[in-house]
Amino acid sequence: MRSIDGSFVAPSKPVALVASRFNSLVVDPLVEGARDGLVRHGVADDQIVVIRVPGAWEIGAVARRCVDSMKYSAVIALGCVIRGETPHFDQVVSGTTRALGQLAYEANVPVVFAVLTTEDLEQAQQRAGGKAGNKGWEAALSALELCDLYRKIGEA
């Protein structure tokens, strides 16, 4: 049996971090976690491109443009949607998840989902550098592993 596994190898092209400005108290630590994870695994700081969008809803459309540009080795979506008192939460989460899921399925580069969906600010902060770790860091490692895996599959 032959096995193909990805490793944490710096890709040849830049990595795009598409990050929401909304809920910046949570998203900024996600961006920093992703940047730190990439840099610690060999990605040069000038090979990380942070692209800010107004909110989580806009992440999918901008991620699509990043993929279509063929300038990036991977796209990491970073955002946070906190449940409120209206159904707006469900609509934003559903639309964002659907757009990024479809893009990940169709893209020739990894599209990694790190858009937090939480009940409250405390849960979000725990996932952006608190007790639950930093989901931005985890997304960065997933992106690196997938970049290498996609490359190896193409060579197999």
N, C-alpha and C. Protein backbone atom coordinates (compact mmCIF):
# COMPACT_ATOMS: atom_id res chain seq x y z
N MET A 1 0.85 -1.19 0.00
CA MET A 1 0.00 0.00 0.00
C MET A 1 0.88 1.24 0.00
N ARG A 2 0.48 2.22 -0.78
CA ARG A 2 1.18 3.50 -0.87
C ARG A 2 0.36 4.54 -0.14
N SER A 3 1.03 5.43 0.58
CA SER A 3 0.36 6.49 1.33
C SER A 3 0.93 7.84 0.93
N ILE A 4 0.05 8.83 0.82
CA ILE A 4 0.48 10.20 0.53
C ILE A 4 0.02 11.07 1.69
N ASP A 5 0.97 11.74 2.31
CA ASP A 5 0.68 12.64 3.43
C ASP A 5 1.31 13.99 3.18
N GLY A 6 0.66 15.03 3.67
CA GLY A 6 1.21 16.37 3.58
C GLY A 6 2.08 16.68 4.78
N SER A 7 3.01 17.59 4.60
CA SER A 7 3.90 18.06 5.66
C SER A 7 3.75 19.57 5.81
N PHE A 8 4.29 20.08 6.88
CA PHE A 8 4.25 21.53 7.12
C PHE A 8 5.43 22.19 6.40
N VAL A 9 5.24 22.40 5.10
CA VAL A 9 6.28 22.95 4.25
C VAL A 9 5.80 24.29 3.71
N ALA A 10 6.67 25.28 3.72
CA ALA A 10 6.31 26.59 3.18
C ALA A 10 6.04 26.47 1.68
N PRO A 11 4.90 26.96 1.22
CA PRO A 11 4.59 26.89 -0.22
C PRO A 11 5.37 27.93 -1.02
N SER A 12 5.34 27.77 -2.33
CA SER A 12 6.11 28.66 -3.20
C SER A 12 5.45 30.02 -3.41
N LYS A 13 4.13 30.08 -3.35
CA LYS A 13 3.41 31.34 -3.55
C LYS A 13 2.93 31.88 -2.21
N PRO A 14 2.53 33.13 -2.16
CA PRO A 14 2.01 33.71 -0.91
C PRO A 14 0.75 33.00 -0.43
N VAL A 15 0.45 33.18 0.84
CA VAL A 15 -0.77 32.68 1.46
C VAL A 15 -1.66 33.87 1.76
N ALA A 16 -2.93 33.80 1.37
CA ALA A 16 -3.88 34.89 1.61
C ALA A 16 -4.67 34.60 2.88
N LEU A 17 -4.73 35.59 3.76
CA LEU A 17 -5.58 35.54 4.94
C LEU A 17 -6.71 36.53 4.69
N VAL A 18 -7.90 36.01 4.43
CA VAL A 18 -9.06 36.87 4.19
C VAL A 18 -9.78 37.00 5.53
N ALA A 19 -9.71 38.20 6.10
CA ALA A 19 -10.15 38.40 7.48
C ALA A 19 -11.20 39.51 7.60
N SER A 20 -12.19 39.22 8.40
CA SER A 20 -13.26 40.18 8.67
C SER A 20 -12.79 41.28 9.62
N ARG A 21 -13.21 42.51 9.36
CA ARG A 21 -12.97 43.60 10.32
C ARG A 21 -14.00 43.56 11.44
N PHE A 22 -15.20 43.04 11.16
CA PHE A 22 -16.24 42.96 12.18
C PHE A 22 -15.80 41.96 13.25
N ASN A 23 -16.06 42.27 14.49
CA ASN A 23 -15.60 41.47 15.63
C ASN A 23 -14.08 41.39 15.67
N SER A 24 -13.44 42.52 15.42
CA SER A 24 -11.97 42.57 15.37
C SER A 24 -11.32 42.17 16.69
N LEU A 25 -12.02 42.32 17.79
CA LEU A 25 -11.49 41.90 19.08
C LEU A 25 -11.16 40.41 19.06
N VAL A 26 -11.88 39.65 18.28
CA VAL A 26 -11.66 38.21 18.14
C VAL A 26 -10.85 37.91 16.88
N VAL A 27 -11.15 38.57 15.79
CA VAL A 27 -10.52 38.24 14.51
C VAL A 27 -9.05 38.63 14.48
N ASP A 28 -8.68 39.75 15.08
CA ASP A 28 -7.27 40.16 15.08
C ASP A 28 -6.36 39.10 15.71
N PRO A 29 -6.73 38.51 16.86
CA PRO A 29 -5.90 37.41 17.38
C PRO A 29 -5.89 36.17 16.47
N LEU A 30 -6.97 35.92 15.74
CA LEU A 30 -6.96 34.83 14.77
C LEU A 30 -5.95 35.09 13.66
N VAL A 31 -5.94 36.33 13.18
CA VAL A 31 -4.98 36.71 12.13
C VAL A 31 -3.56 36.56 12.65
N GLU A 32 -3.32 37.05 13.86
CA GLU A 32 -1.98 36.95 14.43
C GLU A 32 -1.58 35.50 14.65
N GLY A 33 -2.52 34.67 15.09
CA GLY A 33 -2.24 33.24 15.27
C GLY A 33 -1.89 32.57 13.95
N ALA A 34 -2.64 32.90 12.89
CA ALA A 34 -2.36 32.33 11.57
C ALA A 34 -0.99 32.80 11.07
N ARG A 35 -0.73 34.07 11.20
CA ARG A 35 0.57 34.61 10.77
C ARG A 35 1.71 33.93 11.53
N ASP A 36 1.57 33.81 12.84
CA ASP A 36 2.59 33.19 13.66
C ASP A 36 2.81 31.73 13.25
N GLY A 37 1.73 31.00 13.04
CA GLY A 37 1.85 29.61 12.62
C GLY A 37 2.56 29.46 11.29
N LEU A 38 2.25 30.34 10.35
CA LEU A 38 2.90 30.30 9.04
C LEU A 38 4.38 30.63 9.15
N VAL A 39 4.70 31.70 9.86
CA VAL A 39 6.09 32.14 9.99
C VAL A 39 6.93 31.07 10.70
N ARG A 40 6.39 30.50 11.76
CA ARG A 40 7.14 29.47 12.51
C ARG A 40 7.38 28.21 11.70
N HIS A 41 6.64 28.06 10.62
CA HIS A 41 6.82 26.89 9.76
C HIS A 41 7.44 27.27 8.41
N GLY A 42 8.16 28.39 8.39
CA GLY A 42 9.00 28.71 7.24
C GLY A 42 8.44 29.66 6.21
N VAL A 43 7.23 30.16 6.40
CA VAL A 43 6.68 31.12 5.43
C VAL A 43 7.21 32.51 5.78
N ALA A 44 7.83 33.16 4.82
CA ALA A 44 8.36 34.51 5.04
C ALA A 44 7.20 35.48 5.28
N ASP A 45 7.41 36.43 6.16
CA ASP A 45 6.35 37.39 6.49
C ASP A 45 5.85 38.12 5.25
N ASP A 46 6.73 38.38 4.29
CA ASP A 46 6.30 39.08 3.07
C ASP A 46 5.55 38.15 2.11
N GLN A 47 5.41 36.87 2.46
CA GLN A 47 4.63 35.92 1.68
C GLN A 47 3.25 35.69 2.28
N ILE A 48 2.90 36.52 3.28
CA ILE A 48 1.58 36.45 3.91
C ILE A 48 0.84 37.74 3.57
N VAL A 49 -0.30 37.61 2.94
CA VAL A 49 -1.09 38.76 2.52
C VAL A 49 -2.40 38.77 3.29
N VAL A 50 -2.59 39.80 4.12
CA VAL A 50 -3.84 39.93 4.88
C VAL A 50 -4.78 40.82 4.08
N ILE A 51 -5.94 40.30 3.77
CA ILE A 51 -6.95 41.03 3.00
C ILE A 51 -8.15 41.22 3.91
N ARG A 52 -8.45 42.45 4.25
CA ARG A 52 -9.55 42.74 5.18
C ARG A 52 -10.85 42.97 4.41
N VAL A 53 -11.91 42.40 4.94
CA VAL A 53 -13.26 42.60 4.38
C VAL A 53 -14.15 43.10 5.50
N PRO A 54 -15.29 43.72 5.16
CA PRO A 54 -16.14 44.29 6.20
C PRO A 54 -16.62 43.28 7.24
N GLY A 55 -17.15 42.15 6.78
CA GLY A 55 -17.71 41.16 7.72
C GLY A 55 -17.58 39.76 7.17
N ALA A 56 -18.09 38.79 7.93
CA ALA A 56 -17.98 37.39 7.53
C ALA A 56 -18.66 37.11 6.20
N TRP A 57 -19.77 37.78 5.95
CA TRP A 57 -20.52 37.56 4.72
C TRP A 57 -19.65 37.77 3.48
N GLU A 58 -18.76 38.75 3.53
CA GLU A 58 -17.94 39.11 2.36
C GLU A 58 -16.72 38.21 2.17
N ILE A 59 -16.40 37.39 3.15
CA ILE A 59 -15.20 36.55 3.07
C ILE A 59 -15.25 35.62 1.85
N GLY A 60 -16.38 34.99 1.61
CA GLY A 60 -16.49 34.03 0.51
C GLY A 60 -16.21 34.64 -0.86
N ALA A 61 -16.79 35.80 -1.12
CA ALA A 61 -16.61 36.45 -2.43
C ALA A 61 -15.16 36.86 -2.65
N VAL A 62 -14.52 37.38 -1.61
CA VAL A 62 -13.13 37.81 -1.74
C VAL A 62 -12.21 36.59 -1.82
N ALA A 63 -12.51 35.54 -1.07
CA ALA A 63 -11.73 34.30 -1.16
C ALA A 63 -11.80 33.75 -2.58
N ARG A 64 -12.97 33.81 -3.21
CA ARG A 64 -13.13 33.36 -4.60
C ARG A 64 -12.19 34.13 -5.53
N ARG A 65 -12.12 35.45 -5.34
CA ARG A 65 -11.24 36.26 -6.19
C ARG A 65 -9.77 35.92 -5.96
N CYS A 66 -9.43 35.62 -4.73
CA CYS A 66 -8.05 35.20 -4.43
C CYS A 66 -7.71 33.90 -5.16
N VAL A 67 -8.60 32.94 -5.09
CA VAL A 67 -8.39 31.66 -5.78
C VAL A 67 -8.30 31.89 -7.28
N ASP A 68 -9.23 32.66 -7.83
CA ASP A 68 -9.27 32.90 -9.27
C ASP A 68 -8.03 33.65 -9.77
N SER A 69 -7.40 34.45 -8.91
CA SER A 69 -6.22 35.21 -9.32
C SER A 69 -5.00 34.32 -9.56
N MET A 70 -5.02 33.12 -9.00
CA MET A 70 -3.91 32.16 -9.10
C MET A 70 -2.61 32.71 -8.52
N LYS A 71 -2.69 33.70 -7.63
CA LYS A 71 -1.51 34.29 -7.00
C LYS A 71 -1.15 33.65 -5.68
N TYR A 72 -2.05 32.82 -5.13
CA TYR A 72 -1.87 32.33 -3.77
C TYR A 72 -1.79 30.80 -3.72
N SER A 73 -0.97 30.32 -2.81
CA SER A 73 -0.86 28.88 -2.57
C SER A 73 -2.04 28.36 -1.77
N ALA A 74 -2.61 29.21 -0.92
CA ALA A 74 -3.75 28.83 -0.09
C ALA A 74 -4.49 30.09 0.32
N VAL A 75 -5.75 29.90 0.68
CA VAL A 75 -6.58 30.99 1.20
C VAL A 75 -7.13 30.53 2.55
N ILE A 76 -6.92 31.36 3.57
CA ILE A 76 -7.43 31.06 4.90
C ILE A 76 -8.48 32.10 5.25
N ALA A 77 -9.69 31.63 5.53
CA ALA A 77 -10.81 32.51 5.88
C ALA A 77 -10.87 32.67 7.40
N LEU A 78 -10.80 33.92 7.87
CA LEU A 78 -10.78 34.20 9.30
C LEU A 78 -11.88 35.20 9.64
N GLY A 79 -12.75 34.80 10.55
CA GLY A 79 -13.84 35.69 10.95
C GLY A 79 -14.49 35.18 12.21
N CYS A 80 -15.52 35.90 12.64
CA CYS A 80 -16.24 35.52 13.84
C CYS A 80 -17.67 36.03 13.76
N VAL A 81 -18.62 35.12 13.95
CA VAL A 81 -20.03 35.48 13.99
C VAL A 81 -20.55 35.03 15.34
N ILE A 82 -21.05 35.98 16.11
CA ILE A 82 -21.56 35.69 17.45
C ILE A 82 -23.08 35.78 17.42
N ARG A 83 -23.72 34.75 17.97
CA ARG A 83 -25.19 34.70 17.95
C ARG A 83 -25.77 35.93 18.66
N GLY A 84 -26.77 36.50 18.04
CA GLY A 84 -27.51 37.62 18.63
C GLY A 84 -28.94 37.22 18.89
N GLU A 85 -29.81 38.19 18.95
CA GLU A 85 -31.21 37.93 19.26
C GLU A 85 -32.09 37.80 18.03
N THR A 86 -31.49 37.87 16.84
CA THR A 86 -32.26 37.79 15.60
C THR A 86 -31.75 36.63 14.75
N PRO A 87 -32.47 36.24 13.72
CA PRO A 87 -32.03 35.15 12.85
C PRO A 87 -30.86 35.55 11.92
N HIS A 88 -30.40 36.77 12.00
CA HIS A 88 -29.29 37.24 11.17
C HIS A 88 -28.08 36.32 11.31
N PHE A 89 -27.78 35.85 12.52
CA PHE A 89 -26.67 34.94 12.77
C PHE A 89 -26.76 33.72 11.85
N ASP A 90 -27.91 33.08 11.83
CA ASP A 90 -28.09 31.87 11.03
C ASP A 90 -27.90 32.14 9.54
N GLN A 91 -28.38 33.28 9.07
CA GLN A 91 -28.26 33.62 7.66
C GLN A 91 -26.80 33.87 7.28
N VAL A 92 -26.08 34.62 8.12
CA VAL A 92 -24.68 34.92 7.82
C VAL A 92 -23.83 33.65 7.88
N VAL A 93 -24.02 32.85 8.92
CA VAL A 93 -23.26 31.61 9.06
C VAL A 93 -23.54 30.66 7.90
N SER A 94 -24.80 30.49 7.56
CA SER A 94 -25.16 29.58 6.48
C SER A 94 -24.57 30.04 5.14
N GLY A 95 -24.72 31.31 4.83
CA GLY A 95 -24.20 31.83 3.56
C GLY A 95 -22.69 31.76 3.46
N THR A 96 -22.03 32.11 4.54
CA THR A 96 -20.56 32.10 4.56
C THR A 96 -20.04 30.68 4.45
N THR A 97 -20.63 29.77 5.20
CA THR A 97 -20.21 28.37 5.18
C THR A 97 -20.43 27.76 3.80
N ARG A 98 -21.58 28.04 3.22
CA ARG A 98 -21.90 27.50 1.89
C ARG A 98 -20.90 28.03 0.84
N ALA A 99 -20.65 29.33 0.86
CA ALA A 99 -19.74 29.91 -0.13
C ALA A 99 -18.33 29.34 -0.01
N LEU A 100 -17.83 29.26 1.21
CA LEU A 100 -16.47 28.77 1.40
C LEU A 100 -16.37 27.26 1.16
N GLY A 101 -17.40 26.53 1.53
CA GLY A 101 -17.41 25.09 1.28
C GLY A 101 -17.40 24.78 -0.21
N GLN A 102 -18.23 25.49 -0.96
CA GLN A 102 -18.26 25.29 -2.42
C GLN A 102 -16.93 25.67 -3.04
N LEU A 103 -16.36 26.78 -2.58
CA LEU A 103 -15.07 27.22 -3.11
C LEU A 103 -13.99 26.19 -2.80
N ALA A 104 -13.95 25.68 -1.59
CA ALA A 104 -12.95 24.68 -1.21
C ALA A 104 -13.06 23.44 -2.09
N TYR A 105 -14.27 23.06 -2.40
CA TYR A 105 -14.52 21.89 -3.25
C TYR A 105 -14.02 22.12 -4.68
N GLU A 106 -14.19 23.33 -5.19
CA GLU A 106 -13.88 23.63 -6.59
C GLU A 106 -12.44 24.10 -6.82
N ALA A 107 -11.81 24.67 -5.81
CA ALA A 107 -10.51 25.33 -5.98
C ALA A 107 -9.39 24.33 -6.17
N ASN A 108 -8.36 24.77 -6.87
CA ASN A 108 -7.15 23.97 -7.04
C ASN A 108 -6.11 24.25 -5.97
N VAL A 109 -6.45 25.12 -5.03
CA VAL A 109 -5.59 25.41 -3.88
C VAL A 109 -6.44 25.24 -2.62
N PRO A 110 -5.81 24.98 -1.49
CA PRO A 110 -6.58 24.83 -0.25
C PRO A 110 -7.31 26.12 0.13
N VAL A 111 -8.55 25.97 0.55
CA VAL A 111 -9.34 27.04 1.14
C VAL A 111 -9.72 26.54 2.53
N VAL A 112 -9.18 27.19 3.54
CA VAL A 112 -9.33 26.71 4.92
C VAL A 112 -10.30 27.62 5.67
N PHE A 113 -11.22 27.00 6.38
CA PHE A 113 -12.30 27.69 7.09
C PHE A 113 -11.94 27.88 8.56
N ALA A 114 -11.79 29.13 8.97
CA ALA A 114 -11.57 29.46 10.38
C ALA A 114 -12.46 30.64 10.75
N VAL A 115 -13.74 30.50 10.44
CA VAL A 115 -14.73 31.50 10.81
C VAL A 115 -15.45 30.95 12.04
N LEU A 116 -15.18 31.56 13.17
CA LEU A 116 -15.78 31.10 14.42
C LEU A 116 -17.27 31.41 14.43
N THR A 117 -18.05 30.49 14.91
CA THR A 117 -19.49 30.70 15.11
C THR A 117 -19.78 30.32 16.55
N THR A 118 -20.06 31.32 17.37
CA THR A 118 -20.18 31.08 18.80
C THR A 118 -21.46 31.68 19.37
N GLU A 119 -21.78 31.24 20.56
CA GLU A 119 -22.96 31.75 21.26
C GLU A 119 -22.70 33.11 21.90
N ASP A 120 -21.44 33.37 22.30
CA ASP A 120 -21.13 34.62 22.97
C ASP A 120 -19.66 35.00 22.78
N LEU A 121 -19.32 36.19 23.23
CA LEU A 121 -17.96 36.71 23.07
C LEU A 121 -16.94 35.86 23.82
N GLU A 122 -17.29 35.38 24.99
CA GLU A 122 -16.36 34.56 25.77
C GLU A 122 -15.95 33.30 25.01
N GLN A 123 -16.92 32.61 24.41
CA GLN A 123 -16.59 31.42 23.61
C GLN A 123 -15.65 31.79 22.46
N ALA A 124 -15.92 32.90 21.83
CA ALA A 124 -15.09 33.33 20.70
C ALA A 124 -13.66 33.60 21.16
N GLN A 125 -13.51 34.31 22.26
CA GLN A 125 -12.18 34.65 22.76
C GLN A 125 -11.41 33.39 23.18
N GLN A 126 -12.11 32.39 23.69
CA GLN A 126 -11.44 31.15 24.07
C GLN A 126 -10.86 30.44 22.86
N ARG A 127 -11.46 30.64 21.69
CA ARG A 127 -11.00 29.99 20.46
C ARG A 127 -10.02 30.86 19.67
N ALA A 128 -9.81 32.06 20.15
CA ALA A 128 -8.89 32.99 19.47
C ALA A 128 -7.70 33.30 20.37
N GLY A 129 -7.19 32.27 21.01
CA GLY A 129 -6.01 32.43 21.84
C GLY A 129 -6.22 32.13 23.31
N GLY A 130 -7.42 31.74 23.69
CA GLY A 130 -7.71 31.39 25.08
C GLY A 130 -7.50 29.91 25.34
N LYS A 131 -8.29 29.38 26.24
CA LYS A 131 -8.16 27.97 26.67
C LYS A 131 -8.32 26.98 25.52
N ALA A 132 -9.11 27.32 24.53
CA ALA A 132 -9.36 26.41 23.40
C ALA A 132 -8.32 26.57 22.30
N GLY A 133 -7.25 27.29 22.55
CA GLY A 133 -6.20 27.48 21.55
C GLY A 133 -6.51 28.63 20.61
N ASN A 134 -5.84 28.63 19.48
CA ASN A 134 -6.06 29.67 18.49
C ASN A 134 -6.40 29.00 17.16
N LYS A 135 -7.64 29.15 16.75
CA LYS A 135 -8.11 28.50 15.52
C LYS A 135 -7.43 29.09 14.28
N GLY A 136 -6.90 30.30 14.37
CA GLY A 136 -6.12 30.86 13.27
C GLY A 136 -4.83 30.08 13.08
N TRP A 137 -4.16 29.76 14.18
CA TRP A 137 -2.94 28.94 14.15
C TRP A 137 -3.26 27.58 13.52
N GLU A 138 -4.33 26.94 13.99
CA GLU A 138 -4.71 25.63 13.47
C GLU A 138 -5.02 25.69 11.98
N ALA A 139 -5.68 26.74 11.55
CA ALA A 139 -6.01 26.90 10.13
C ALA A 139 -4.73 27.05 9.30
N ALA A 140 -3.76 27.78 9.82
CA ALA A 140 -2.49 27.97 9.11
C ALA A 140 -1.79 26.63 8.91
N LEU A 141 -1.77 25.80 9.95
CA LEU A 141 -1.12 24.50 9.82
C LEU A 141 -1.87 23.60 8.84
N SER A 142 -3.19 23.67 8.87
CA SER A 142 -3.98 22.91 7.90
C SER A 142 -3.67 23.36 6.49
N ALA A 143 -3.57 24.67 6.28
CA ALA A 143 -3.27 25.19 4.95
C ALA A 143 -1.90 24.71 4.46
N LEU A 144 -0.90 24.75 5.33
CA LEU A 144 0.44 24.30 4.93
C LEU A 144 0.43 22.81 4.57
N GLU A 145 -0.20 22.01 5.41
CA GLU A 145 -0.26 20.57 5.16
C GLU A 145 -0.99 20.28 3.84
N LEU A 146 -2.11 20.99 3.62
CA LEU A 146 -2.87 20.77 2.39
C LEU A 146 -2.12 21.24 1.16
N CYS A 147 -1.39 22.35 1.25
CA CYS A 147 -0.59 22.80 0.11
C CYS A 147 0.39 21.71 -0.32
N ASP A 148 1.07 21.12 0.66
CA ASP A 148 2.02 20.07 0.36
C ASP A 148 1.32 18.83 -0.16
N LEU A 149 0.19 18.49 0.43
CA LEU A 149 -0.56 17.32 -0.02
C LEU A 149 -1.07 17.50 -1.45
N TYR A 150 -1.62 18.66 -1.76
CA TYR A 150 -2.09 18.93 -3.14
C TYR A 150 -0.93 18.79 -4.12
N ARG A 151 0.25 19.32 -3.74
CA ARG A 151 1.43 19.23 -4.61
C ARG A 151 1.81 17.77 -4.84
N LYS A 152 1.84 16.99 -3.76
CA LYS A 152 2.23 15.58 -3.87
C LYS A 152 1.22 14.78 -4.69
N ILE A 153 -0.05 15.08 -4.54
CA ILE A 153 -1.07 14.38 -5.33
C ILE A 153 -0.88 14.70 -6.81
N GLY A 154 -0.54 15.94 -7.12
CA GLY A 154 -0.30 16.34 -8.50
C GLY A 154 0.91 15.66 -9.11
N GLU A 155 1.87 15.28 -8.26
CA GLU A 155 3.08 14.62 -8.75
C GLU A 155 2.94 13.11 -8.80
N ALA A 156 1.93 12.57 -8.11
CA ALA A 156 1.78 11.10 -8.01
C ALA A 156 1.41 10.47 -9.33
